[in-house]
Amino acid sequence: MQKIKLPSTIDPIFAADKGLEYRGFCASDQFVRIAESVESDIDVFLLFRIDEKQRAFIKGHANVDLKLTCQRCCCTFLYHLKTEYCFIPVTSGTYDKLSETCRGLYDFIEMNEAGELNLLSMIEDELILSIPAFPVHEDKDCHLVFTKMGEDLVKEQEKKSHPFSVLSRLKKK
C-alpha cells in the first residue's frame, strides 16, 4: 500500500461501508498543539470497518518522533511515540444511548453536523494523550549522575548492626 497524505476530514460511515484503509502521513505543521515538539512527519494507519453489530468503527495507529524535555536532567531528547486507537463515530447526543458493551470496546468520537470527522484533530488528540506525563531518558542515556535510592537504603541498613544481633550471640553460647 502506497503512503499518501491523509485527508483532513472524512465521512467515517461511508469509509466503513467501503472498507477503506489509509496508510499515510501528516505533515508536522498541521498539528498546532504539538508542532514545536514534533521532529518528523506523523506516520498514520487508519482502518474503517463495520463490526458484527453493524456499527462503523475506526481502528489505527500513529507514530511520531518528539523532542521532549527529560524531567530528571532537563535536557531534550528524542522520544518515539506510538499510539493505537479504536473509535466508534457518534452524533451529538447519541453517546448516552449506546449500550454498556459498546463502551468497553470502543472510545467514542463525535462527528460534526455534516457527518464528518476531523482526522487531524482526532490523531493529534490521541498523540497528546499518549505523551508520558513525566518523560525521562533511559537510565543509561541520562546525563544526570544518580544512584538508585533503593540500593543506597539497602547498603545503609546492611552497615547498621541488627538490634537483635546481641541475642544471636547469646544463643550461640
C-alpha atoms as a PDB file:
ATOM      1  CA  MET A   1       0.000   0.000   0.000  1.00  0.00           C
ATOM      2  CA  GLN A   2       1.371   3.386  -1.003  1.00  0.00           C
ATOM      3  CA  LYS A   3       1.764   6.112   1.619  1.00  0.00           C
ATOM      4  CA  ILE A   4      -0.406   9.113   0.899  1.00  0.00           C
ATOM      5  CA  LYS A   5      -1.136  12.430   2.527  1.00  0.00           C
ATOM      6  CA  LEU A   6      -4.239  11.900   4.652  1.00  0.00           C
ATOM      7  CA  PRO A   7      -7.377  13.956   4.092  1.00  0.00           C
ATOM      8  CA  SER A   8      -8.156  16.428   6.875  1.00  0.00           C
ATOM      9  CA  THR A   9     -11.806  15.304   7.160  1.00  0.00           C
ATOM     10  CA  ILE A  10     -13.645  12.120   6.239  1.00  0.00           C
ATOM     11  CA  ASP A  11     -17.135  10.635   6.391  1.00  0.00           C
ATOM     12  CA  PRO A  12     -16.478   7.616   8.655  1.00  0.00           C
ATOM     13  CA  ILE A  13     -19.762   5.849   7.845  1.00  0.00           C
ATOM     14  CA  PHE A  14     -19.098   5.973   4.097  1.00  0.00           C
ATOM     15  CA  ALA A  15     -15.464   4.935   4.620  1.00  0.00           C
ATOM     16  CA  ALA A  16     -16.531   1.980   6.810  1.00  0.00           C
ATOM     17  CA  ASP A  17     -19.145   0.870   4.266  1.00  0.00           C
ATOM     18  CA  LYS A  18     -16.434   0.856   1.596  1.00  0.00           C
ATOM     19  CA  GLY A  19     -13.893  -0.823   3.916  1.00  0.00           C
ATOM     20  CA  LEU A  20     -11.303   1.877   3.303  1.00  0.00           C
ATOM     21  CA  GLU A  21      -7.751   1.705   4.633  1.00  0.00           C
ATOM     22  CA  TYR A  22      -5.339   4.606   4.747  1.00  0.00           C
ATOM     23  CA  ARG A  23      -1.611   4.362   5.287  1.00  0.00           C
ATOM     24  CA  GLY A  24      -0.091   7.738   5.049  1.00  0.00           C
ATOM     25  CA  PHE A  25       1.441  10.691   6.764  1.00  0.00           C
ATOM     26  CA  CYS A  26       0.522  14.065   8.142  1.00  0.00           C
ATOM     27  CA  ALA A  27       2.929  16.964   7.994  1.00  0.00           C
ATOM     28  CA  SER A  28       4.099  18.130  11.410  1.00  0.00           C
ATOM     29  CA  ASP A  29       2.969  21.707  10.793  1.00  0.00           C
ATOM     30  CA  GLN A  30      -0.659  20.524  10.621  1.00  0.00           C
ATOM     31  CA  PHE A  31      -0.640  19.764  14.356  1.00  0.00           C
ATOM     32  CA  VAL A  32      -0.761  23.144  16.040  1.00  0.00           C
ATOM     33  CA  ARG A  33      -0.750  21.980  19.673  1.00  0.00           C
ATOM     34  CA  ILE A  34       2.327  19.729  19.405  1.00  0.00           C
ATOM     35  CA  ALA A  35       4.089  21.349  16.435  1.00  0.00           C
ATOM     36  CA  GLU A  36       7.060  22.614  18.465  1.00  0.00           C
ATOM     37  CA  SER A  37       7.827  19.107  19.761  1.00  0.00           C
ATOM     38  CA  VAL A  38       7.352  17.153  16.531  1.00  0.00           C
ATOM     39  CA  GLU A  39      10.595  16.141  14.813  1.00  0.00           C
ATOM     40  CA  SER A  40       9.168  14.141  11.900  1.00  0.00           C
ATOM     41  CA  ASP A  41       6.054  13.651   9.835  1.00  0.00           C
ATOM     42  CA  ILE A  42       3.401  11.620  11.614  1.00  0.00           C
ATOM     43  CA  ASP A  43       3.063   8.108  10.185  1.00  0.00           C
ATOM     44  CA  VAL A  44      -0.621   7.091  10.350  1.00  0.00           C
ATOM     45  CA  PHE A  45      -2.637   3.954   9.641  1.00  0.00           C
ATOM     46  CA  LEU A  46      -6.455   4.063   9.600  1.00  0.00           C
ATOM     47  CA  LEU A  47      -8.831   1.168   9.042  1.00  0.00           C
ATOM     48  CA  PHE A  48     -12.558   1.814   8.579  1.00  0.00           C
ATOM     49  CA  ARG A  49     -14.825  -1.206   9.070  1.00  0.00           C
ATOM     50  CA  ILE A  50     -18.302  -2.361  10.149  1.00  0.00           C
ATOM     51  CA  ASP A  51     -18.424  -4.639  13.229  1.00  0.00           C
ATOM     52  CA  GLU A  52     -20.707  -7.630  13.863  1.00  0.00           C
ATOM     53  CA  LYS A  53     -23.421  -5.340  15.289  1.00  0.00           C
ATOM     54  CA  GLN A  54     -23.390  -3.221  12.113  1.00  0.00           C
ATOM     55  CA  ARG A  55     -21.597  -0.280  13.758  1.00  0.00           C
ATOM     56  CA  ALA A  56     -18.937   1.651  11.882  1.00  0.00           C
ATOM     57  CA  PHE A  57     -15.590   1.823  13.660  1.00  0.00           C
ATOM     58  CA  ILE A  58     -12.136   3.267  13.082  1.00  0.00           C
ATOM     59  CA  LYS A  59      -9.029   1.391  14.165  1.00  0.00           C
ATOM     60  CA  GLY A  60      -5.479   2.504  13.683  1.00  0.00           C
ATOM     61  CA  HIS A  61      -2.178   3.727  14.993  1.00  0.00           C
ATOM     62  CA  ALA A  62       0.152   6.692  14.654  1.00  0.00           C
ATOM     63  CA  ASN A  63       3.937   7.004  15.073  1.00  0.00           C
ATOM     64  CA  VAL A  64       5.994  10.138  15.507  1.00  0.00           C
ATOM     65  CA  ASP A  65       9.335  11.275  16.909  1.00  0.00           C
ATOM     66  CA  LEU A  66       9.000  14.003  19.527  1.00  0.00           C
ATOM     67  CA  LYS A  67      11.571  16.259  21.128  1.00  0.00           C
ATOM     68  CA  LEU A  68      10.798  16.151  24.866  1.00  0.00           C
ATOM     69  CA  THR A  69      12.500  17.500  27.973  1.00  0.00           C
ATOM     70  CA  CYS A  70      13.788  14.924  30.425  1.00  0.00           C
ATOM     71  CA  GLN A  71      12.225  15.587  33.822  1.00  0.00           C
ATOM     72  CA  ARG A  72      15.307  14.221  35.563  1.00  0.00           C
ATOM     73  CA  CYS A  73      18.140  16.174  33.917  1.00  0.00           C
ATOM     74  CA  CYS A  74      16.215  18.894  31.993  1.00  0.00           C
ATOM     75  CA  CYS A  75      17.920  18.025  28.687  1.00  0.00           C
ATOM     76  CA  THR A  76      15.966  17.459  25.498  1.00  0.00           C
ATOM     77  CA  PHE A  77      15.860  14.002  23.979  1.00  0.00           C
ATOM     78  CA  LEU A  78      14.192  12.251  21.066  1.00  0.00           C
ATOM     79  CA  TYR A  79      11.202  10.102  22.051  1.00  0.00           C
ATOM     80  CA  HIS A  80       9.470   7.709  19.658  1.00  0.00           C
ATOM     81  CA  LEU A  81       5.750   7.850  20.385  1.00  0.00           C
ATOM     82  CA  LYS A  82       3.330   5.199  19.177  1.00  0.00           C
ATOM     83  CA  THR A  83      -0.376   5.351  19.891  1.00  0.00           C
ATOM     84  CA  GLU A  84      -3.157   2.947  18.988  1.00  0.00           C
ATOM     85  CA  TYR A  85      -6.847   3.782  18.892  1.00  0.00           C
ATOM     86  CA  CYS A  86     -10.225   2.276  18.161  1.00  0.00           C
ATOM     87  CA  PHE A  87     -13.180   4.647  17.802  1.00  0.00           C
ATOM     88  CA  ILE A  88     -16.838   4.440  17.041  1.00  0.00           C
ATOM     89  CA  PRO A  89     -18.183   7.625  15.435  1.00  0.00           C
ATOM     90  CA  VAL A  90     -21.265   9.084  17.125  1.00  0.00           C
ATOM     91  CA  THR A  91     -23.501  12.053  16.504  1.00  0.00           C
ATOM     92  CA  SER A  92     -24.191  14.698  19.102  1.00  0.00           C
ATOM     93  CA  GLY A  93     -26.351  13.311  21.897  1.00  0.00           C
ATOM     94  CA  THR A  94     -26.171   9.608  20.960  1.00  0.00           C
ATOM     95  CA  TYR A  95     -23.366   8.759  23.388  1.00  0.00           C
ATOM     96  CA  ASP A  96     -25.789   8.164  26.288  1.00  0.00           C
ATOM     97  CA  LYS A  97     -27.935   5.826  24.190  1.00  0.00           C
ATOM     98  CA  LEU A  98     -25.129   3.390  23.390  1.00  0.00           C
ATOM     99  CA  SER A  99     -25.017   0.150  25.332  1.00  0.00           C
ATOM    100  CA  GLU A 100     -22.505  -0.604  28.065  1.00  0.00           C
ATOM    101  CA  THR A 101     -20.998  -3.404  25.956  1.00  0.00           C
ATOM    102  CA  CYS A 102     -20.081  -0.908  23.273  1.00  0.00           C
ATOM    103  CA  ARG A 103     -18.417   1.388  25.808  1.00  0.00           C
ATOM    104  CA  GLY A 104     -15.907  -1.268  26.803  1.00  0.00           C
ATOM    105  CA  LEU A 105     -14.755  -1.990  23.251  1.00  0.00           C
ATOM    106  CA  TYR A 106     -14.513   1.448  21.704  1.00  0.00           C
ATOM    107  CA  ASP A 107     -13.811   5.047  22.502  1.00  0.00           C
ATOM    108  CA  PHE A 108     -16.307   7.477  21.060  1.00  0.00           C
ATOM    109  CA  ILE A 109     -15.583  10.328  18.715  1.00  0.00           C
ATOM    110  CA  GLU A 110     -18.188  12.876  17.785  1.00  0.00           C
ATOM    111  CA  MET A 111     -18.863  13.716  14.162  1.00  0.00           C
ATOM    112  CA  ASN A 112     -19.724  17.244  13.062  1.00  0.00           C
ATOM    113  CA  GLU A 113     -23.134  18.313  11.711  1.00  0.00           C
ATOM    114  CA  ALA A 114     -22.185  17.147   8.207  1.00  0.00           C
ATOM    115  CA  GLY A 115     -21.397  13.630   9.490  1.00  0.00           C
ATOM    116  CA  GLU A 116     -17.643  14.031   9.080  1.00  0.00           C
ATOM    117  CA  LEU A 117     -14.659  13.615  11.367  1.00  0.00           C
ATOM    118  CA  ASN A 118     -11.678  15.898  11.578  1.00  0.00           C
ATOM    119  CA  LEU A 119      -8.929  13.273  11.241  1.00  0.00           C
ATOM    120  CA  LEU A 120      -6.104  15.652  12.071  1.00  0.00           C
ATOM    121  CA  SER A 121      -7.728  16.691  15.329  1.00  0.00           C
ATOM    122  CA  MET A 122      -8.503  13.065  16.224  1.00  0.00           C
ATOM    123  CA  ILE A 123      -4.908  11.954  15.620  1.00  0.00           C
ATOM    124  CA  GLU A 124      -3.429  14.952  17.428  1.00  0.00           C
ATOM    125  CA  ASP A 125      -5.664  14.310  20.454  1.00  0.00           C
ATOM    126  CA  GLU A 126      -4.519  10.687  20.619  1.00  0.00           C
ATOM    127  CA  LEU A 127      -0.861  11.670  20.335  1.00  0.00           C
ATOM    128  CA  ILE A 128      -1.217  14.243  23.118  1.00  0.00           C
ATOM    129  CA  LEU A 129      -2.909  11.688  25.371  1.00  0.00           C
ATOM    130  CA  SER A 130      -0.049   9.238  24.751  1.00  0.00           C
ATOM    131  CA  ILE A 131       2.776  11.609  25.691  1.00  0.00           C
ATOM    132  CA  PRO A 132       4.186  10.484  29.052  1.00  0.00           C
ATOM    133  CA  ALA A 133       3.348  12.772  31.976  1.00  0.00           C
ATOM    134  CA  PHE A 134       6.975  12.720  33.164  1.00  0.00           C
ATOM    135  CA  PRO A 135       9.238  11.929  30.222  1.00  0.00           C
ATOM    136  CA  VAL A 136      12.736  10.774  31.127  1.00  0.00           C
ATOM    137  CA  HIS A 137      15.744   9.371  29.293  1.00  0.00           C
ATOM    138  CA  GLU A 138      16.653   5.748  29.621  1.00  0.00           C
ATOM    139  CA  ASP A 139      18.861   5.414  32.726  1.00  0.00           C
ATOM    140  CA  LYS A 140      21.922   4.708  30.592  1.00  0.00           C
ATOM    141  CA  ASP A 141      21.330   7.795  28.411  1.00  0.00           C
ATOM    142  CA  CYS A 142      20.542  10.339  31.128  1.00  0.00           C
ATOM    143  CA  HIS A 143      23.211  12.998  31.640  1.00  0.00           C
ATOM    144  CA  LEU A 144      22.480  13.269  35.345  1.00  0.00           C
ATOM    145  CA  VAL A 145      24.643  11.099  37.576  1.00  0.00           C
ATOM    146  CA  PHE A 146      22.430   9.381  40.083  1.00  0.00           C
ATOM    147  CA  THR A 147      22.296   6.289  42.193  1.00  0.00           C
ATOM    148  CA  LYS A 148      19.233   4.237  42.714  1.00  0.00           C
ATOM    149  CA  MET A 149      17.661   5.190  46.006  1.00  0.00           C
ATOM    150  CA  GLY A 150      16.636   1.639  46.881  1.00  0.00           C
ATOM    151  CA  GLU A 151      20.193   0.336  46.568  1.00  0.00           C
ATOM    152  CA  ASP A 152      21.526   3.087  48.856  1.00  0.00           C
ATOM    153  CA  LEU A 153      18.956   2.297  51.534  1.00  0.00           C
ATOM    154  CA  VAL A 154      19.792  -1.401  51.490  1.00  0.00           C
ATOM    155  CA  LYS A 155      23.516  -0.655  51.811  1.00  0.00           C
ATOM    156  CA  GLU A 156      22.851   1.696  54.740  1.00  0.00           C
ATOM    157  CA  GLN A 157      20.770  -0.913  56.513  1.00  0.00           C
ATOM    158  CA  GLU A 158      23.462  -3.542  56.000  1.00  0.00           C
ATOM    159  CA  LYS A 159      26.044  -1.257  57.618  1.00  0.00           C
ATOM    160  CA  LYS A 160      23.940  -0.760  60.753  1.00  0.00           C
ATOM    161  CA  SER A 161      24.114  -3.569  63.237  1.00  0.00           C
ATOM    162  CA  HIS A 162      20.961  -5.512  63.684  1.00  0.00           C
ATOM    163  CA  PRO A 163      19.324  -4.742  67.078  1.00  0.00           C
ATOM    164  CA  PHE A 164      18.907  -8.434  67.871  1.00  0.00           C
ATOM    165  CA  SER A 165      22.468  -9.395  66.999  1.00  0.00           C
ATOM    166  CA  VAL A 166      23.267  -9.479  70.724  1.00  0.00           C
ATOM    167  CA  LEU A 167      20.649 -12.191  71.221  1.00  0.00           C
ATOM    168  CA  SER A 168      22.094 -14.311  68.432  1.00  0.00           C
ATOM    169  CA  ARG A 169      25.490 -14.209  70.150  1.00  0.00           C
ATOM    170  CA  LEU A 170      23.893 -15.329  73.422  1.00  0.00           C
ATOM    171  CA  LYS A 171      22.120 -18.162  71.639  1.00  0.00           C
ATOM    172  CA  LYS A 172      25.451 -19.444  70.290  1.00  0.00           C
ATOM    173  CA  LYS A 173      26.860 -19.738  73.842  1.00  0.00           C
END
